[in-house]
């Protein structure tokens, strides 16, 4: 590379820069919790919604004695905002009165 020329970042670098850390995502979820009283995220916030789904999946895998990147500290943080590990669709039961 010539001196003075700038290197153009590739797509992988750009994606990595845009990707939030776990703590940043948790802080955003915490804001949702303090604003709404719930840690449930609407699907229109796609990035946070996917992150929440990923945390639920990791937790489920970990409950089956498989080690994941979801540490006890992270689990405790999520529990501190009453994170729901399982979400079920109550609309079926409401519709059919079960």
N, C-alpha and C. Protein backbone atom coordinates (compact mmCIF):
# COMPACT_ATOMS: atom_id res chain seq x y z
N UNK A 1 0.85 -1.18 0.00
CA UNK A 1 0.00 0.00 0.00
C UNK A 1 0.89 1.24 0.00
N UNK A 2 0.58 2.19 -0.83
CA UNK A 2 1.36 3.41 -0.92
C UNK A 2 1.11 4.30 0.30
N UNK A 3 2.15 5.02 0.67
CA UNK A 3 2.01 5.94 1.79
C UNK A 3 1.01 7.04 1.42
N UNK A 4 0.15 7.36 2.34
CA UNK A 4 -0.83 8.41 2.12
C UNK A 4 -2.15 7.91 1.55
N UNK A 5 -2.16 6.70 1.03
CA UNK A 5 -3.43 6.19 0.50
C UNK A 5 -4.22 5.55 1.63
N UNK A 6 -5.50 5.64 1.53
CA UNK A 6 -6.36 5.08 2.57
C UNK A 6 -6.88 3.72 2.13
N UNK A 7 -6.93 2.82 3.08
CA UNK A 7 -7.47 1.49 2.81
C UNK A 7 -8.97 1.54 2.96
N UNK A 8 -9.67 0.96 2.02
CA UNK A 8 -11.12 0.91 2.06
C UNK A 8 -11.51 -0.36 2.83
N UNK A 9 -12.30 -0.23 3.90
CA UNK A 9 -12.69 -1.42 4.68
C UNK A 9 -13.58 -2.33 3.84
N UNK A 10 -13.37 -3.64 4.03
CA UNK A 10 -14.22 -4.58 3.32
C UNK A 10 -15.55 -4.74 4.04
N UNK A 11 -16.48 -5.46 3.42
CA UNK A 11 -17.83 -5.63 3.99
C UNK A 11 -17.80 -6.28 5.37
N UNK A 12 -16.90 -7.23 5.58
CA UNK A 12 -16.82 -7.92 6.87
C UNK A 12 -16.45 -6.95 7.98
N UNK A 13 -15.52 -6.05 7.69
CA UNK A 13 -15.14 -5.06 8.70
C UNK A 13 -16.29 -4.11 9.01
N UNK A 14 -16.99 -3.68 7.99
CA UNK A 14 -18.14 -2.79 8.19
C UNK A 14 -19.21 -3.47 9.03
N UNK A 15 -19.47 -4.73 8.74
CA UNK A 15 -20.48 -5.47 9.48
C UNK A 15 -20.06 -5.60 10.95
N UNK A 16 -18.79 -5.89 11.18
CA UNK A 16 -18.29 -6.03 12.54
C UNK A 16 -18.42 -4.72 13.31
N UNK A 17 -18.15 -3.60 12.65
CA UNK A 17 -18.27 -2.29 13.31
C UNK A 17 -19.72 -2.00 13.68
N UNK A 18 -20.64 -2.42 12.83
CA UNK A 18 -22.05 -2.14 13.07
C UNK A 18 -22.65 -3.05 14.13
N UNK A 19 -22.06 -4.23 14.31
CA UNK A 19 -22.59 -5.20 15.26
C UNK A 19 -22.41 -4.67 16.68
N UNK A 20 -23.49 -4.71 17.42
CA UNK A 20 -23.44 -4.22 18.80
C UNK A 20 -22.86 -5.29 19.72
N UNK A 21 -22.31 -4.84 20.80
CA UNK A 21 -21.84 -5.78 21.82
C UNK A 21 -23.05 -6.26 22.63
N UNK A 22 -22.84 -7.31 23.40
CA UNK A 22 -23.90 -7.84 24.25
C UNK A 22 -24.38 -6.75 25.20
N UNK A 23 -23.44 -6.04 25.80
CA UNK A 23 -23.80 -5.00 26.78
C UNK A 23 -24.60 -3.86 26.14
N UNK A 24 -24.25 -3.49 24.92
CA UNK A 24 -25.01 -2.44 24.23
C UNK A 24 -26.45 -2.90 23.97
N UNK A 25 -26.60 -4.14 23.56
CA UNK A 25 -27.95 -4.67 23.32
C UNK A 25 -28.72 -4.76 24.62
N UNK A 26 -28.06 -5.19 25.69
CA UNK A 26 -28.73 -5.26 26.98
C UNK A 26 -29.17 -3.87 27.44
N UNK A 27 -28.31 -2.88 27.26
CA UNK A 27 -28.67 -1.52 27.66
C UNK A 27 -29.90 -1.03 26.89
N UNK A 28 -29.97 -1.37 25.61
CA UNK A 28 -31.14 -0.98 24.83
C UNK A 28 -32.39 -1.70 25.34
N UNK A 29 -32.25 -2.98 25.66
CA UNK A 29 -33.38 -3.73 26.21
C UNK A 29 -33.79 -3.17 27.57
N UNK A 30 -32.82 -2.78 28.35
CA UNK A 30 -33.08 -2.17 29.67
C UNK A 30 -33.90 -0.88 29.51
N UNK A 31 -33.58 -0.09 28.51
CA UNK A 31 -34.34 1.14 28.24
C UNK A 31 -35.80 0.80 27.90
N UNK A 32 -35.98 -0.25 27.11
CA UNK A 32 -37.34 -0.70 26.77
C UNK A 32 -38.08 -1.09 28.05
N UNK A 33 -37.40 -1.83 28.90
CA UNK A 33 -38.01 -2.28 30.16
C UNK A 33 -38.41 -1.10 31.04
N UNK A 34 -37.51 -0.13 31.20
CA UNK A 34 -37.83 1.02 32.05
C UNK A 34 -38.93 1.89 31.45
N UNK A 35 -39.01 1.93 30.14
CA UNK A 35 -40.04 2.75 29.48
C UNK A 35 -41.41 2.07 29.48
N UNK A 36 -41.42 0.73 29.39
CA UNK A 36 -42.70 0.03 29.22
C UNK A 36 -43.07 -0.89 30.37
N UNK A 37 -42.10 -1.20 31.24
CA UNK A 37 -42.37 -2.14 32.32
C UNK A 37 -42.29 -3.59 31.87
N UNK A 38 -41.82 -3.81 30.65
CA UNK A 38 -41.72 -5.16 30.08
C UNK A 38 -40.44 -5.28 29.28
N UNK A 39 -39.86 -6.48 29.29
CA UNK A 39 -38.66 -6.72 28.48
C UNK A 39 -39.03 -7.34 27.13
N UNK A 40 -40.31 -7.34 26.81
CA UNK A 40 -40.74 -7.84 25.50
C UNK A 40 -40.48 -6.77 24.46
N UNK A 41 -39.97 -7.20 23.32
CA UNK A 41 -39.58 -6.27 22.27
C UNK A 41 -40.47 -6.50 21.05
N UNK A 42 -40.94 -5.44 20.48
CA UNK A 42 -41.77 -5.52 19.27
C UNK A 42 -40.89 -5.89 18.07
N UNK A 43 -41.47 -6.60 17.13
CA UNK A 43 -40.70 -7.07 15.98
C UNK A 43 -40.29 -5.94 15.04
N UNK A 44 -40.84 -4.75 15.20
CA UNK A 44 -40.41 -3.63 14.34
C UNK A 44 -39.01 -3.12 14.70
N UNK A 45 -38.52 -3.48 15.88
CA UNK A 45 -37.13 -3.19 16.26
C UNK A 45 -36.34 -4.46 15.95
N UNK A 46 -36.06 -4.67 14.68
CA UNK A 46 -35.56 -5.96 14.19
C UNK A 46 -34.27 -6.42 14.86
N UNK A 47 -33.32 -5.53 15.00
CA UNK A 47 -32.03 -5.93 15.56
C UNK A 47 -32.16 -6.36 17.02
N UNK A 48 -32.87 -5.59 17.83
CA UNK A 48 -33.05 -5.95 19.24
C UNK A 48 -33.96 -7.17 19.37
N UNK A 49 -34.99 -7.24 18.55
CA UNK A 49 -35.91 -8.39 18.56
C UNK A 49 -35.13 -9.68 18.29
N UNK A 50 -34.24 -9.66 17.31
CA UNK A 50 -33.43 -10.84 16.99
C UNK A 50 -32.47 -11.16 18.13
N UNK A 51 -31.90 -10.15 18.74
CA UNK A 51 -30.99 -10.37 19.86
C UNK A 51 -31.72 -11.04 21.02
N UNK A 52 -32.94 -10.57 21.31
CA UNK A 52 -33.75 -11.17 22.38
C UNK A 52 -34.04 -12.64 22.05
N UNK A 53 -34.41 -12.92 20.82
CA UNK A 53 -34.67 -14.31 20.39
C UNK A 53 -33.42 -15.16 20.56
N UNK A 54 -32.27 -14.61 20.22
CA UNK A 54 -31.01 -15.34 20.37
C UNK A 54 -30.72 -15.66 21.83
N UNK A 55 -31.00 -14.72 22.73
CA UNK A 55 -30.76 -14.97 24.16
C UNK A 55 -31.65 -16.11 24.66
N UNK A 56 -32.89 -16.13 24.20
CA UNK A 56 -33.80 -17.21 24.58
C UNK A 56 -33.30 -18.56 24.07
N UNK A 57 -32.84 -18.59 22.84
CA UNK A 57 -32.31 -19.83 22.26
C UNK A 57 -31.08 -20.31 23.02
N UNK A 58 -30.16 -19.39 23.30
CA UNK A 58 -28.95 -19.75 24.04
C UNK A 58 -29.29 -20.30 25.42
N UNK A 59 -30.24 -19.67 26.08
CA UNK A 59 -30.65 -20.11 27.41
C UNK A 59 -31.24 -21.52 27.36
N UNK A 60 -32.06 -21.76 26.36
CA UNK A 60 -32.68 -23.08 26.21
C UNK A 60 -31.61 -24.15 25.97
N UNK A 61 -30.66 -23.85 25.12
CA UNK A 61 -29.57 -24.79 24.86
C UNK A 61 -28.77 -25.04 26.14
N UNK A 62 -28.50 -23.97 26.87
CA UNK A 62 -27.72 -24.09 28.10
C UNK A 62 -28.45 -24.91 29.16
N UNK A 63 -29.76 -24.85 29.18
CA UNK A 63 -30.54 -25.63 30.15
C UNK A 63 -30.42 -27.12 29.88
N UNK A 64 -30.02 -27.48 28.67
CA UNK A 64 -29.81 -28.89 28.31
C UNK A 64 -28.35 -29.29 28.49
N UNK A 65 -27.66 -28.62 29.41
CA UNK A 65 -26.27 -28.92 29.78
C UNK A 65 -25.27 -28.72 28.66
N UNK A 66 -25.57 -27.84 27.73
CA UNK A 66 -24.63 -27.50 26.68
C UNK A 66 -24.10 -26.10 26.97
N UNK A 67 -22.81 -25.98 27.02
CA UNK A 67 -22.19 -24.69 27.33
C UNK A 67 -22.41 -23.70 26.19
N UNK A 68 -22.78 -22.47 26.53
CA UNK A 68 -22.97 -21.42 25.54
C UNK A 68 -22.22 -20.17 26.00
N UNK A 69 -22.29 -19.11 25.21
CA UNK A 69 -21.64 -17.85 25.58
C UNK A 69 -22.50 -17.03 26.54
N UNK A 70 -23.65 -17.57 26.93
CA UNK A 70 -24.53 -16.87 27.86
C UNK A 70 -24.09 -17.20 29.29
N UNK A 71 -23.30 -16.31 29.85
CA UNK A 71 -22.73 -16.53 31.18
C UNK A 71 -23.77 -16.35 32.28
N UNK A 72 -23.43 -16.81 33.47
CA UNK A 72 -24.31 -16.63 34.63
C UNK A 72 -24.55 -15.15 34.90
N UNK A 73 -23.53 -14.32 34.67
CA UNK A 73 -23.65 -12.88 34.87
C UNK A 73 -24.67 -12.29 33.89
N UNK A 74 -24.61 -12.72 32.65
CA UNK A 74 -25.56 -12.23 31.65
C UNK A 74 -26.99 -12.68 31.99
N UNK A 75 -27.11 -13.92 32.43
CA UNK A 75 -28.43 -14.43 32.82
C UNK A 75 -28.98 -13.60 33.98
N UNK A 76 -28.14 -13.30 34.95
CA UNK A 76 -28.56 -12.50 36.10
C UNK A 76 -29.00 -11.10 35.66
N UNK A 77 -28.27 -10.51 34.71
CA UNK A 77 -28.66 -9.18 34.21
C UNK A 77 -30.04 -9.25 33.55
N UNK A 78 -30.26 -10.26 32.73
CA UNK A 78 -31.55 -10.40 32.05
C UNK A 78 -32.67 -10.65 33.07
N UNK A 79 -32.40 -11.46 34.07
CA UNK A 79 -33.41 -11.71 35.11
C UNK A 79 -33.73 -10.44 35.89
N UNK A 80 -32.76 -9.53 36.00
CA UNK A 80 -32.98 -8.29 36.76
C UNK A 80 -34.04 -7.40 36.11
N UNK A 81 -34.30 -7.60 34.82
CA UNK A 81 -35.35 -6.84 34.14
C UNK A 81 -36.52 -7.75 33.78
N UNK A 82 -36.66 -8.82 34.53
CA UNK A 82 -37.79 -9.75 34.38
C UNK A 82 -37.90 -10.29 32.95
N UNK A 83 -36.75 -10.65 32.40
CA UNK A 83 -36.70 -11.20 31.04
C UNK A 83 -37.49 -12.50 31.00
N UNK A 84 -38.34 -12.62 30.01
CA UNK A 84 -39.12 -13.86 29.85
C UNK A 84 -38.33 -14.81 28.96
N UNK A 85 -37.96 -15.96 29.53
CA UNK A 85 -37.16 -16.93 28.80
C UNK A 85 -37.99 -17.71 27.79
N UNK A 86 -39.26 -17.85 28.08
CA UNK A 86 -40.16 -18.53 27.15
C UNK A 86 -41.33 -17.62 26.86
N UNK A 87 -41.67 -17.53 25.61
CA UNK A 87 -42.80 -16.72 25.20
C UNK A 87 -43.75 -17.63 24.45
N UNK A 88 -44.97 -17.66 24.92
CA UNK A 88 -45.95 -18.47 24.20
C UNK A 88 -47.04 -17.56 23.69
N UNK A 89 -47.65 -18.02 22.67
CA UNK A 89 -48.69 -17.23 22.02
C UNK A 89 -50.02 -17.52 22.70
N UNK A 90 -50.51 -16.56 23.48
CA UNK A 90 -51.77 -16.73 24.20
C UNK A 90 -52.98 -16.53 23.31
N UNK A 91 -52.78 -16.03 22.11
CA UNK A 91 -53.93 -15.75 21.23
C UNK A 91 -54.70 -17.02 20.90
N UNK A 92 -54.02 -18.15 20.75
CA UNK A 92 -54.69 -19.41 20.47
C UNK A 92 -55.64 -19.78 21.60
N UNK A 93 -55.16 -19.66 22.85
CA UNK A 93 -55.98 -20.00 23.99
C UNK A 93 -57.13 -19.01 24.16
N UNK A 94 -56.89 -17.73 23.91
CA UNK A 94 -57.95 -16.74 24.01
C UNK A 94 -59.04 -17.01 22.98
N UNK A 95 -58.62 -17.41 21.77
CA UNK A 95 -59.56 -17.63 20.70
C UNK A 95 -60.45 -18.85 20.97
N UNK A 96 -59.86 -19.87 21.56
CA UNK A 96 -60.60 -21.12 21.74
C UNK A 96 -60.98 -21.41 23.18
N UNK A 97 -60.73 -20.42 24.05
CA UNK A 97 -61.19 -20.49 25.44
C UNK A 97 -60.66 -21.64 26.23
N UNK A 98 -59.41 -21.96 26.07
CA UNK A 98 -58.81 -23.07 26.80
C UNK A 98 -58.01 -22.59 27.97
